[in-house]
N, C-alpha and C. Protein backbone atom coordinates (compact mmCIF):
# COMPACT_ATOMS: atom_id res chain seq x y z
N MET A 1 109.21 106.90 113.36
CA MET A 1 109.87 107.96 113.09
C MET A 1 108.45 108.59 112.45
N SER A 2 108.48 109.88 112.42
CA SER A 2 107.24 110.75 111.90
C SER A 2 108.02 111.82 111.09
N ARG A 3 107.31 112.28 109.95
CA ARG A 3 107.90 113.52 109.38
C ARG A 3 106.78 114.79 109.44
N SER A 4 107.00 115.75 109.39
CA SER A 4 106.24 116.75 109.15
C SER A 4 106.29 117.52 108.24
N LEU A 5 105.27 118.01 107.58
CA LEU A 5 105.23 118.86 106.26
C LEU A 5 104.36 120.16 106.56
N VAL A 6 104.85 121.20 106.46
CA VAL A 6 104.01 122.46 106.71
C VAL A 6 103.71 123.24 105.30
N VAL A 7 102.28 123.48 105.02
CA VAL A 7 101.89 124.05 103.85
C VAL A 7 101.57 125.41 104.02
N VAL A 8 102.09 126.55 103.32
CA VAL A 8 101.82 127.90 103.49
C VAL A 8 100.79 128.18 102.05
N SER A 9 99.65 128.57 102.41
CA SER A 9 98.78 128.71 101.43
C SER A 9 98.42 130.44 101.70
N ALA A 10 98.91 131.41 100.50
CA ALA A 10 98.34 132.75 100.29
C ALA A 10 96.97 132.92 99.61
N GLY A 11 96.05 132.12 99.36
CA GLY A 11 94.84 132.50 98.67
C GLY A 11 94.11 133.20 99.54
N LEU A 12 93.44 134.26 98.72
CA LEU A 12 92.43 135.13 99.50
C LEU A 12 91.28 134.97 99.22
N SER A 13 90.66 134.05 98.37
CA SER A 13 89.25 133.59 98.39
C SER A 13 89.10 132.25 99.19
N GLN A 14 87.83 131.93 99.67
CA GLN A 14 87.52 130.57 100.05
C GLN A 14 86.30 130.14 99.85
N PRO A 15 86.35 128.94 98.69
CA PRO A 15 87.85 128.33 98.25
C PRO A 15 88.51 128.86 97.22
N SER A 16 89.95 128.59 97.30
CA SER A 16 90.79 128.97 96.50
C SER A 16 91.34 128.36 95.53
N SER A 17 91.93 128.42 94.51
CA SER A 17 92.67 127.40 93.48
C SER A 17 94.02 127.51 94.06
N THR A 18 94.42 128.31 95.05
CA THR A 18 95.82 128.29 95.73
C THR A 18 95.89 127.28 96.53
N ARG A 19 94.67 127.01 97.51
CA ARG A 19 94.69 126.12 98.57
C ARG A 19 94.62 124.81 98.10
N LEU A 20 93.75 124.50 96.60
CA LEU A 20 93.49 123.44 96.39
C LEU A 20 94.70 123.03 95.47
N LEU A 21 95.67 123.75 95.17
CA LEU A 21 96.79 123.45 94.56
C LEU A 21 97.83 122.76 95.80
N ALA A 22 97.89 123.83 96.84
CA ALA A 22 98.54 123.59 97.97
C ALA A 22 98.25 122.08 98.64
N ASP A 23 96.86 122.01 98.57
CA ASP A 23 96.51 120.59 99.16
C ASP A 23 96.65 119.41 98.46
N ARG A 24 96.62 119.37 97.08
CA ARG A 24 97.19 118.36 96.32
C ARG A 24 98.45 118.21 96.17
N LEU A 25 99.32 119.17 96.50
CA LEU A 25 100.73 118.94 96.48
C LEU A 25 101.37 118.50 97.89
N ALA A 26 100.77 118.86 99.00
CA ALA A 26 100.61 118.20 100.10
C ALA A 26 100.49 116.50 100.31
N GLU A 27 99.32 116.31 99.51
CA GLU A 27 98.85 114.97 99.14
C GLU A 27 99.98 114.22 98.81
N ALA A 28 100.32 114.54 97.53
CA ALA A 28 101.25 113.95 96.79
C ALA A 28 102.81 113.78 97.61
N ALA A 29 103.11 114.63 98.24
CA ALA A 29 104.16 114.53 98.99
C ALA A 29 104.14 113.39 100.19
N ALA A 30 103.05 113.64 100.77
CA ALA A 30 102.75 112.76 102.10
C ALA A 30 102.53 111.51 101.69
N ARG A 31 101.72 111.28 100.55
CA ARG A 31 101.65 109.73 100.03
C ARG A 31 103.20 109.23 99.60
N GLU A 32 103.92 109.89 99.14
CA GLU A 32 105.39 109.41 98.79
C GLU A 32 105.88 108.96 100.03
N LEU A 33 106.04 109.77 101.18
CA LEU A 33 106.84 109.80 102.10
C LEU A 33 106.31 108.56 103.20
N ALA A 34 104.85 108.45 102.98
CA ALA A 34 104.47 107.12 103.63
C ALA A 34 104.71 105.84 103.11
N LEU A 35 105.13 105.74 101.93
CA LEU A 35 105.81 104.71 101.32
C LEU A 35 107.09 104.11 102.08
N ASP A 36 107.64 104.81 102.97
CA ASP A 36 108.67 104.65 103.99
C ASP A 36 108.23 103.99 105.02
N GLY A 37 106.97 103.95 105.32
CA GLY A 37 106.35 103.64 106.65
C GLY A 37 106.36 104.32 107.80
N GLU A 38 106.62 105.71 107.53
CA GLU A 38 106.74 106.67 108.50
C GLU A 38 105.54 107.36 108.48
N GLN A 39 104.84 107.80 109.72
CA GLN A 39 103.65 108.63 109.65
C GLN A 39 104.26 110.19 109.31
N VAL A 40 103.12 110.51 108.49
CA VAL A 40 103.35 112.00 107.78
C VAL A 40 102.27 112.96 108.56
N ASP A 41 102.70 113.79 109.31
CA ASP A 41 101.71 115.16 109.74
C ASP A 41 101.88 116.17 108.60
N VAL A 42 100.70 116.57 108.33
CA VAL A 42 100.75 117.68 107.48
C VAL A 42 100.06 118.86 108.14
N ARG A 43 100.43 120.17 108.31
CA ARG A 43 100.02 121.41 108.81
C ARG A 43 99.56 122.17 107.63
N VAL A 44 98.60 122.75 107.62
CA VAL A 44 98.19 124.06 106.71
C VAL A 44 98.27 125.26 107.44
N ILE A 45 99.00 126.27 106.98
CA ILE A 45 99.10 127.53 107.47
C ILE A 45 98.31 128.44 106.49
N GLU A 46 96.92 129.12 106.54
CA GLU A 46 96.18 129.59 105.60
C GLU A 46 96.40 131.10 105.95
N LEU A 47 97.17 131.82 105.14
CA LEU A 47 97.63 133.07 105.63
C LEU A 47 96.25 134.06 105.70
N ARG A 48 95.16 133.88 105.00
CA ARG A 48 94.21 134.78 105.04
C ARG A 48 93.50 134.64 106.64
N ASP A 49 93.81 133.79 107.28
CA ASP A 49 93.18 133.52 108.60
C ASP A 49 94.35 134.26 109.90
N HIS A 50 95.24 134.71 109.16
CA HIS A 50 96.36 135.30 110.01
C HIS A 50 96.95 136.80 109.37
N ALA A 51 95.96 137.30 108.63
CA ALA A 51 96.23 138.37 108.18
C ALA A 51 96.48 139.60 108.85
N ILE A 52 95.46 139.91 109.97
CA ILE A 52 95.63 140.81 111.06
C ILE A 52 96.89 140.72 111.89
N ASP A 53 97.10 139.61 112.29
CA ASP A 53 98.19 139.13 112.93
C ASP A 53 99.65 139.45 112.43
N VAL A 54 99.66 139.22 111.06
CA VAL A 54 100.73 139.24 110.34
C VAL A 54 100.88 141.03 110.07
N THR A 55 100.03 141.60 109.81
CA THR A 55 100.34 143.24 109.88
C THR A 55 100.29 143.76 110.98
N ASN A 56 99.97 143.50 112.30
CA ASN A 56 100.41 143.64 113.48
C ASN A 56 101.69 143.50 113.69
N ASN A 57 102.16 142.27 113.22
CA ASN A 57 103.65 141.77 113.92
C ASN A 57 104.78 142.74 112.99
N LEU A 58 104.43 143.23 111.82
CA LEU A 58 105.20 144.12 111.01
C LEU A 58 104.93 145.68 111.70
N LEU A 59 103.92 145.84 112.17
CA LEU A 59 104.04 147.19 113.08
C LEU A 59 104.49 147.16 114.22
N THR A 60 104.54 146.12 114.76
CA THR A 60 105.17 146.18 116.44
C THR A 60 106.45 145.22 116.68
N GLY A 61 106.72 144.52 115.71
CA GLY A 61 107.64 143.34 115.81
C GLY A 61 107.42 142.41 116.86
N PHE A 62 106.25 142.10 117.11
CA PHE A 62 105.85 141.01 118.16
C PHE A 62 104.88 140.00 117.20
N ALA A 63 104.84 138.83 117.43
CA ALA A 63 103.71 138.10 116.86
C ALA A 63 102.97 137.68 118.11
N SER A 64 101.43 137.48 117.76
CA SER A 64 100.34 136.88 118.54
C SER A 64 100.64 135.50 118.84
N ALA A 65 100.13 134.89 119.80
CA ALA A 65 100.50 133.62 120.31
C ALA A 65 99.97 132.71 118.99
N SER A 66 98.89 133.04 118.35
CA SER A 66 98.46 132.02 117.12
C SER A 66 99.62 132.29 115.90
N LEU A 67 99.96 133.31 115.69
CA LEU A 67 100.85 133.39 114.61
C LEU A 67 102.28 132.95 115.12
N GLN A 68 102.72 133.25 116.15
CA GLN A 68 104.15 132.44 116.60
C GLN A 68 103.98 130.84 116.58
N ALA A 69 102.83 130.34 116.75
CA ALA A 69 102.54 128.92 116.80
C ALA A 69 102.90 128.13 115.45
N GLU A 70 102.10 129.32 114.51
CA GLU A 70 102.43 128.86 113.10
C GLU A 70 103.75 128.79 112.56
N ILE A 71 104.42 129.89 113.09
CA ILE A 71 106.02 130.23 112.90
C ILE A 71 106.91 129.10 113.18
N ASP A 72 106.29 128.65 114.71
CA ASP A 72 107.29 127.49 115.14
C ASP A 72 107.02 126.27 114.57
N ALA A 73 105.89 126.12 114.03
CA ALA A 73 105.49 124.73 113.30
C ALA A 73 106.53 125.03 111.96
N LEU A 74 106.37 126.25 111.37
CA LEU A 74 107.06 125.93 109.97
C LEU A 74 108.40 125.82 109.96
N THR A 75 109.03 126.65 111.10
CA THR A 75 110.87 126.42 111.20
C THR A 75 111.25 125.14 111.94
N ALA A 76 110.20 124.30 112.27
CA ALA A 76 110.41 122.75 112.88
C ALA A 76 110.23 121.74 111.54
N ALA A 77 109.55 122.32 110.72
CA ALA A 77 109.31 121.20 109.83
C ALA A 77 110.33 120.46 108.94
N ASP A 78 109.85 119.28 108.43
CA ASP A 78 111.02 118.65 107.61
C ASP A 78 111.07 119.02 106.29
N GLY A 79 109.72 119.31 105.90
CA GLY A 79 109.75 120.23 104.45
C GLY A 79 108.39 121.04 104.28
N VAL A 80 108.58 122.21 103.60
CA VAL A 80 107.50 123.19 103.46
C VAL A 80 106.89 123.24 101.93
N ILE A 81 105.76 123.37 101.45
CA ILE A 81 105.20 123.71 100.37
C ILE A 81 104.67 125.30 100.50
N ALA A 82 105.00 125.84 99.98
CA ALA A 82 104.60 127.28 99.70
C ALA A 82 103.96 127.82 98.40
N VAL A 83 102.77 128.27 98.42
CA VAL A 83 101.91 128.54 97.18
C VAL A 83 101.30 129.62 97.29
N THR A 84 101.55 130.61 96.57
CA THR A 84 100.75 131.89 96.43
C THR A 84 100.19 132.12 94.92
N PRO A 85 98.98 133.18 94.93
CA PRO A 85 98.65 133.60 93.66
C PRO A 85 99.46 134.69 93.05
N ILE A 86 99.33 134.59 91.86
CA ILE A 86 100.34 135.50 91.18
C ILE A 86 99.23 136.73 90.87
N PHE A 87 99.79 138.04 91.46
CA PHE A 87 99.14 139.21 91.07
C PHE A 87 100.20 140.29 90.42
N THR A 88 99.59 140.88 89.41
CA THR A 88 100.71 141.95 88.83
C THR A 88 102.07 141.12 88.53
N THR A 89 101.96 139.96 88.11
CA THR A 89 103.53 139.08 87.75
C THR A 89 104.42 138.68 89.05
N SER A 90 103.84 138.75 90.28
CA SER A 90 104.69 138.52 91.41
C SER A 90 103.71 137.91 92.65
N TYR A 91 104.34 137.63 93.53
CA TYR A 91 103.76 136.86 94.71
C TYR A 91 102.60 137.84 95.37
N SER A 92 101.61 137.47 95.96
CA SER A 92 100.94 138.29 96.84
C SER A 92 101.30 139.25 97.68
N GLY A 93 100.66 140.14 98.24
CA GLY A 93 101.30 140.94 99.35
C GLY A 93 101.42 140.33 100.67
N LEU A 94 100.12 139.54 100.85
CA LEU A 94 100.02 138.83 101.87
C LEU A 94 101.17 137.87 102.44
N PHE A 95 101.48 137.08 101.37
CA PHE A 95 102.48 136.10 101.13
C PHE A 95 103.79 136.85 101.46
N LYS A 96 104.29 137.71 101.12
CA LYS A 96 105.58 138.50 101.16
C LYS A 96 105.61 138.94 102.60
N SER A 97 104.13 139.55 102.97
CA SER A 97 104.38 140.09 104.53
C SER A 97 104.88 138.95 105.55
N PHE A 98 103.92 137.71 105.33
CA PHE A 98 104.47 136.62 106.01
C PHE A 98 105.85 136.16 106.22
N ILE A 99 106.36 136.23 104.85
CA ILE A 99 107.93 135.96 104.89
C ILE A 99 108.51 137.08 105.31
N ASP A 100 108.20 138.19 105.59
CA ASP A 100 108.85 139.43 106.35
C ASP A 100 108.85 139.34 107.67
N VAL A 101 107.91 138.54 108.28
CA VAL A 101 108.07 138.38 109.65
C VAL A 101 108.86 137.11 110.27
N LEU A 102 109.46 136.43 109.15
CA LEU A 102 110.34 135.44 109.63
C LEU A 102 111.82 135.84 109.78
N ASP A 103 112.47 135.12 110.90
CA ASP A 103 113.75 135.44 110.74
C ASP A 103 114.58 135.15 109.62
N LYS A 104 115.66 135.72 109.24
CA LYS A 104 116.22 135.36 108.22
C LYS A 104 116.87 133.97 107.96
N ASP A 105 117.03 133.61 109.21
CA ASP A 105 117.62 132.30 109.18
C ASP A 105 116.86 131.11 109.30
N SER A 106 115.69 131.37 109.77
CA SER A 106 114.59 130.56 110.32
C SER A 106 114.35 129.25 109.08
N LEU A 107 114.37 129.37 107.77
CA LEU A 107 114.35 128.30 106.78
C LEU A 107 115.38 128.14 105.93
N ARG A 108 116.74 128.24 106.95
CA ARG A 108 118.03 127.87 106.28
C ARG A 108 118.16 126.29 106.25
N GLY A 109 118.35 125.85 104.82
CA GLY A 109 118.46 124.40 104.56
C GLY A 109 117.18 123.84 104.13
N MET A 110 116.01 124.56 104.69
CA MET A 110 114.67 123.66 104.39
C MET A 110 114.44 123.50 103.16
N PRO A 111 113.94 121.92 103.08
CA PRO A 111 113.31 121.69 101.40
C PRO A 111 112.05 122.38 101.24
N VAL A 112 112.06 123.06 100.19
CA VAL A 112 110.89 123.73 100.01
C VAL A 112 110.16 123.65 98.50
N LEU A 113 109.09 123.49 98.56
CA LEU A 113 108.49 122.93 97.11
C LEU A 113 107.72 124.40 96.92
N LEU A 114 107.77 124.85 95.70
CA LEU A 114 107.40 126.09 95.29
C LEU A 114 105.99 126.04 94.23
N GLY A 115 104.78 126.79 94.57
CA GLY A 115 103.83 126.57 93.70
C GLY A 115 103.09 127.82 93.69
N ALA A 116 102.51 128.04 92.54
CA ALA A 116 101.64 129.46 92.22
C ALA A 116 100.51 129.23 91.38
N THR A 117 99.62 129.92 91.70
CA THR A 117 98.50 130.00 90.65
C THR A 117 98.03 131.38 89.82
N GLY A 118 97.56 131.43 88.84
CA GLY A 118 97.21 132.55 88.13
C GLY A 118 96.11 132.23 87.20
N GLY A 119 95.75 133.30 86.43
CA GLY A 119 94.50 133.41 85.47
C GLY A 119 95.14 133.04 84.13
N THR A 120 96.42 133.08 83.87
CA THR A 120 96.97 133.03 82.32
C THR A 120 98.40 132.23 82.37
N GLU A 121 98.73 131.48 81.76
CA GLU A 121 100.20 130.86 81.72
C GLU A 121 101.16 131.68 81.56
N ARG A 122 101.01 132.87 81.16
CA ARG A 122 101.78 133.85 80.98
C ARG A 122 102.65 134.16 81.97
N HIS A 123 102.24 134.01 83.50
CA HIS A 123 102.68 134.36 84.57
C HIS A 123 103.39 133.43 85.10
N SER A 124 103.76 131.94 84.41
CA SER A 124 104.16 130.84 85.02
C SER A 124 105.59 131.22 85.44
N LEU A 125 106.35 131.97 84.71
CA LEU A 125 107.80 132.45 85.11
C LEU A 125 107.88 133.19 86.37
N ALA A 126 106.77 133.53 86.97
CA ALA A 126 107.04 134.41 88.06
C ALA A 126 107.58 133.52 89.23
N ILE A 127 107.36 132.19 89.29
CA ILE A 127 108.25 131.03 90.28
C ILE A 127 109.58 131.55 89.95
N ASP A 128 110.01 131.53 88.96
CA ASP A 128 111.80 131.56 88.75
C ASP A 128 112.44 133.02 89.28
N TYR A 129 111.46 134.17 88.70
CA TYR A 129 111.97 135.57 88.86
C TYR A 129 111.52 136.20 90.09
N ALA A 130 110.87 135.81 90.76
CA ALA A 130 110.05 136.29 92.07
C ALA A 130 110.00 135.40 93.39
N LEU A 131 109.68 134.25 93.13
CA LEU A 131 109.83 133.27 94.07
C LEU A 131 111.17 132.66 94.67
N ARG A 132 111.63 132.18 93.62
CA ARG A 132 113.20 131.73 94.09
C ARG A 132 114.11 132.73 94.73
N PRO A 133 114.06 133.62 94.19
CA PRO A 133 114.88 134.95 94.74
C PRO A 133 114.56 135.24 96.19
N LEU A 134 113.50 135.06 96.84
CA LEU A 134 112.81 135.31 97.83
C LEU A 134 113.37 134.02 98.90
N PHE A 135 113.33 132.86 98.55
CA PHE A 135 113.78 131.83 99.24
C PHE A 135 115.24 131.54 99.11
N ALA A 136 115.95 132.15 98.36
CA ALA A 136 117.29 132.19 97.99
C ALA A 136 117.96 133.08 98.99
N TYR A 137 117.18 134.35 99.14
CA TYR A 137 117.54 135.24 100.46
C TYR A 137 117.49 134.48 101.84
N LEU A 138 116.46 133.75 101.73
CA LEU A 138 116.29 132.97 103.28
C LEU A 138 117.18 131.84 103.34
N ARG A 139 117.80 131.39 102.47
CA ARG A 139 118.76 130.14 102.09
C ARG A 139 118.20 128.88 102.43
N ALA A 140 116.98 129.00 102.02
CA ALA A 140 116.10 127.55 101.97
C ALA A 140 116.66 126.75 100.53
N ASP A 141 116.25 125.60 100.73
CA ASP A 141 116.54 124.64 99.65
C ASP A 141 115.40 124.50 98.65
N ALA A 142 115.29 125.58 97.83
CA ALA A 142 113.76 125.38 96.91
C ALA A 142 114.37 124.49 95.82
N LEU A 143 113.36 123.47 95.62
CA LEU A 143 113.38 122.75 94.79
C LEU A 143 113.32 123.16 93.16
N ALA A 144 113.99 122.54 92.35
CA ALA A 144 114.34 122.91 90.87
C ALA A 144 112.82 122.53 90.42
N THR A 145 112.13 121.61 91.11
CA THR A 145 110.74 121.45 90.48
C THR A 145 109.83 122.18 91.03
N ALA A 146 108.98 122.62 90.06
CA ALA A 146 107.72 123.74 90.95
C ALA A 146 106.59 123.40 90.12
N VAL A 147 105.59 124.17 90.49
CA VAL A 147 104.12 123.94 89.90
C VAL A 147 103.46 125.07 89.88
N TYR A 148 103.19 125.43 88.39
CA TYR A 148 102.13 126.85 88.46
C TYR A 148 100.97 126.40 87.79
N ALA A 149 99.88 126.67 88.28
CA ALA A 149 98.49 126.39 87.85
C ALA A 149 97.80 127.45 87.29
N ALA A 150 97.66 127.60 86.11
CA ALA A 150 96.51 128.60 85.50
C ALA A 150 95.22 128.10 85.46
N SER A 151 94.42 129.00 85.21
CA SER A 151 92.92 128.53 85.50
C SER A 151 92.56 127.53 84.53
N GLY A 152 92.97 127.74 83.36
CA GLY A 152 92.62 126.49 82.35
C GLY A 152 93.56 124.99 82.54
N ASP A 153 93.98 124.81 83.60
CA ASP A 153 95.03 123.84 83.88
C ASP A 153 93.97 122.79 84.63
N TRP A 154 92.68 123.49 85.43
CA TRP A 154 92.09 122.83 86.36
C TRP A 154 90.54 122.17 85.49
N GLY A 155 90.93 122.05 84.17
CA GLY A 155 89.56 121.49 83.39
C GLY A 155 89.66 120.02 83.20
N GLY A 156 90.56 119.51 84.14
CA GLY A 156 90.57 117.83 84.11
C GLY A 156 91.67 117.16 83.22
N ASP A 157 92.49 118.18 82.79
CA ASP A 157 93.77 117.71 82.14
C ASP A 157 94.72 117.02 82.80
N GLU A 158 95.24 115.92 82.40
CA GLU A 158 96.10 115.04 83.37
C GLU A 158 97.42 115.39 83.57
N ALA A 159 97.84 116.34 82.64
CA ALA A 159 99.06 117.16 82.89
C ALA A 159 99.47 117.91 84.13
N LEU A 160 98.32 118.45 84.71
CA LEU A 160 98.59 119.04 85.89
C LEU A 160 98.82 118.05 87.06
N ALA A 161 98.05 116.95 86.96
CA ALA A 161 98.14 115.91 87.96
C ALA A 161 99.39 115.25 87.96
N GLU A 162 99.98 114.96 86.72
CA GLU A 162 101.55 114.52 86.31
C GLU A 162 102.39 115.47 86.97
N ARG A 163 102.33 116.75 86.86
CA ARG A 163 103.09 117.71 87.44
C ARG A 163 103.23 117.67 89.02
N ILE A 164 101.77 117.63 89.47
CA ILE A 164 101.76 117.46 90.92
C ILE A 164 102.42 116.41 91.42
N ASP A 165 102.15 115.37 91.14
CA ASP A 165 102.75 114.01 91.42
C ASP A 165 104.17 113.87 91.49
N ARG A 166 104.78 114.37 90.18
CA ARG A 166 106.28 114.68 90.12
C ARG A 166 106.93 115.50 91.27
N ALA A 167 106.27 116.51 91.57
CA ALA A 167 106.96 117.59 92.70
C ALA A 167 106.55 116.90 94.00
N GLY A 168 105.46 116.17 94.43
CA GLY A 168 105.33 115.85 95.45
C GLY A 168 106.39 114.56 95.71
N SER A 169 106.83 114.04 94.74
CA SER A 169 107.91 112.86 94.78
C SER A 169 109.23 113.60 95.09
N ASP A 170 109.51 114.57 94.41
CA ASP A 170 111.04 115.22 94.46
C ASP A 170 110.87 116.03 95.86
N LEU A 171 109.92 116.46 96.42
CA LEU A 171 109.96 116.90 97.92
C LEU A 171 110.19 115.90 98.69
N ALA A 172 109.47 114.82 98.60
CA ALA A 172 109.69 113.56 99.45
C ALA A 172 111.23 113.26 99.33
N ASP A 173 111.81 112.99 98.36
CA ASP A 173 113.24 112.83 97.95
C ASP A 173 114.15 113.91 98.88
N ALA A 174 113.90 115.28 98.81
CA ALA A 174 114.47 116.16 99.03
C ALA A 174 114.60 116.08 100.77
N VAL A 175 113.25 115.82 101.39
CA VAL A 175 113.15 115.48 102.78
C VAL A 175 114.21 114.50 103.32
N ARG A 176 114.02 113.33 102.44
CA ARG A 176 114.81 111.96 102.62
C ARG A 176 116.38 112.45 103.20
N ARG A 177 116.67 113.27 102.28
CA ARG A 177 118.22 113.35 101.89
C ARG A 177 118.57 114.87 103.01
N SER A 178 117.59 115.56 103.26
CA SER A 178 118.11 116.40 104.08
C SER A 178 118.65 116.28 105.32
N ARG A 179 119.82 116.95 105.76
CA ARG A 179 120.34 117.01 107.09
C ARG A 179 120.18 118.33 107.89
N ARG A 180 119.15 118.72 107.34
CA ARG A 180 118.98 120.05 108.18
C ARG A 180 118.54 119.86 109.71
N VAL A 181 119.04 120.95 110.54
CA VAL A 181 118.88 120.64 111.90
C VAL A 181 118.14 122.11 112.15
N ALA A 182 117.11 122.02 112.88
CA ALA A 182 116.01 123.14 113.05
C ALA A 182 116.73 124.16 113.91
N PRO A 183 116.78 125.52 113.80
CA PRO A 183 117.23 126.54 114.59
C PRO A 183 117.10 126.23 116.06
N ALA A 184 118.06 126.81 116.80
CA ALA A 184 117.88 126.75 118.19
C ALA A 184 116.96 127.72 118.79
N ASP A 185 116.22 127.32 119.96
CA ASP A 185 115.47 128.49 120.44
C ASP A 185 116.25 129.61 121.00
N PRO A 186 116.00 130.83 120.63
CA PRO A 186 116.92 132.08 120.81
C PRO A 186 116.75 132.40 122.52
N PHE A 187 115.87 131.91 122.95
CA PHE A 187 115.67 132.28 124.28
C PHE A 187 116.06 130.76 125.33
N ALA A 188 116.68 130.05 124.59
CA ALA A 188 116.93 128.75 125.41
C ALA A 188 118.38 129.16 126.03
N LEU A 189 118.52 128.67 127.35
CA LEU A 189 119.83 129.07 128.15
C LEU A 189 120.79 128.00 127.95
N PRO A 190 122.02 128.06 127.66
CA PRO A 190 123.09 127.24 127.33
C PRO A 190 123.25 126.00 128.18
N VAL A 191 123.72 124.98 127.67
CA VAL A 191 123.64 123.56 128.41
C VAL A 191 124.82 124.14 129.63
N GLY A 192 124.55 123.71 130.71
CA GLY A 192 125.33 124.11 131.73
C GLY A 192 125.34 124.93 132.63
N PHE A 193 124.43 125.73 132.13
CA PHE A 193 123.97 127.42 132.71
C PHE A 193 123.29 127.15 133.74
N ASP A 194 123.58 127.62 135.05
CA ASP A 194 122.51 127.45 136.20
C ASP A 194 122.74 128.95 136.90
N PRO A 195 121.84 129.71 137.05
CA PRO A 195 121.75 130.84 137.61
C PRO A 195 122.20 131.11 139.11
N SER A 196 121.90 129.73 139.88
CA SER A 196 122.19 129.35 141.01
C SER A 196 123.91 129.05 141.35
N GLY A 197 124.39 128.98 140.28
CA GLY A 197 125.69 128.54 140.12
C GLY A 197 125.99 127.23 140.13
N GLY A 198 125.11 126.31 140.05
CA GLY A 198 125.36 125.07 139.79
C GLY A 198 125.13 124.64 138.32
N ALA A 199 125.40 123.21 137.84
CA ALA A 199 125.22 122.56 136.75
C ALA A 199 123.81 122.42 136.12
N ALA A 200 123.25 122.80 135.11
CA ALA A 200 121.89 122.52 134.74
C ALA A 200 121.69 122.19 133.27
N ALA A 201 120.74 121.64 132.82
CA ALA A 201 120.55 121.09 131.29
C ALA A 201 119.91 122.31 130.65
N THR A 202 120.03 122.47 129.51
CA THR A 202 119.31 123.46 128.64
C THR A 202 117.79 123.75 128.95
N ARG A 203 117.11 125.00 129.13
CA ARG A 203 115.83 124.87 129.17
C ARG A 203 115.56 126.25 128.83
N SER A 204 114.27 126.17 128.28
CA SER A 204 113.78 127.71 127.53
C SER A 204 113.39 128.47 128.89
N ALA A 205 113.62 129.80 128.58
CA ALA A 205 113.52 130.88 129.46
C ALA A 205 111.99 131.41 129.37
């Protein structure tokens, strides 16, 4: 059996502290899940690479093939790690725009580990007053554990490493407990439907 983790990183620069935090959280969660003897597949959605497609999706209502592939992987995952930089005390516009193109039920019951980066510790509460309500609207299972990393946290302080390890462990536990069923393909024909009049198994249109 294999587990899949999808990482959503909304960092704008390359490299970025947002992507660094996202990668370290994914490594911690994957390492914990691997203790079960299962294969762990990690997929990273780097939103800066899809910024134009996300904007076009908002304008037209249609996702490009590459963006749709990322959305499909996200909604079919066993667990999600979502990390955004904090700008003006809230998540980035790119991060919110990506969330806006998702179906409102696509992450229902999904274990989600929240993370954020910022220049100062003063913005650490943005996870609770900005990110949590966003994922509550999507009815995702956002973990109580979250990780905020300010610029000063990257100076070799072991405290950040400990918080990352604890968060990764908590996500692994949530994935193990989850009974979530991925949303059905909205274009799938119902079981037994056959346009010729006979019985047929479910298939995608």
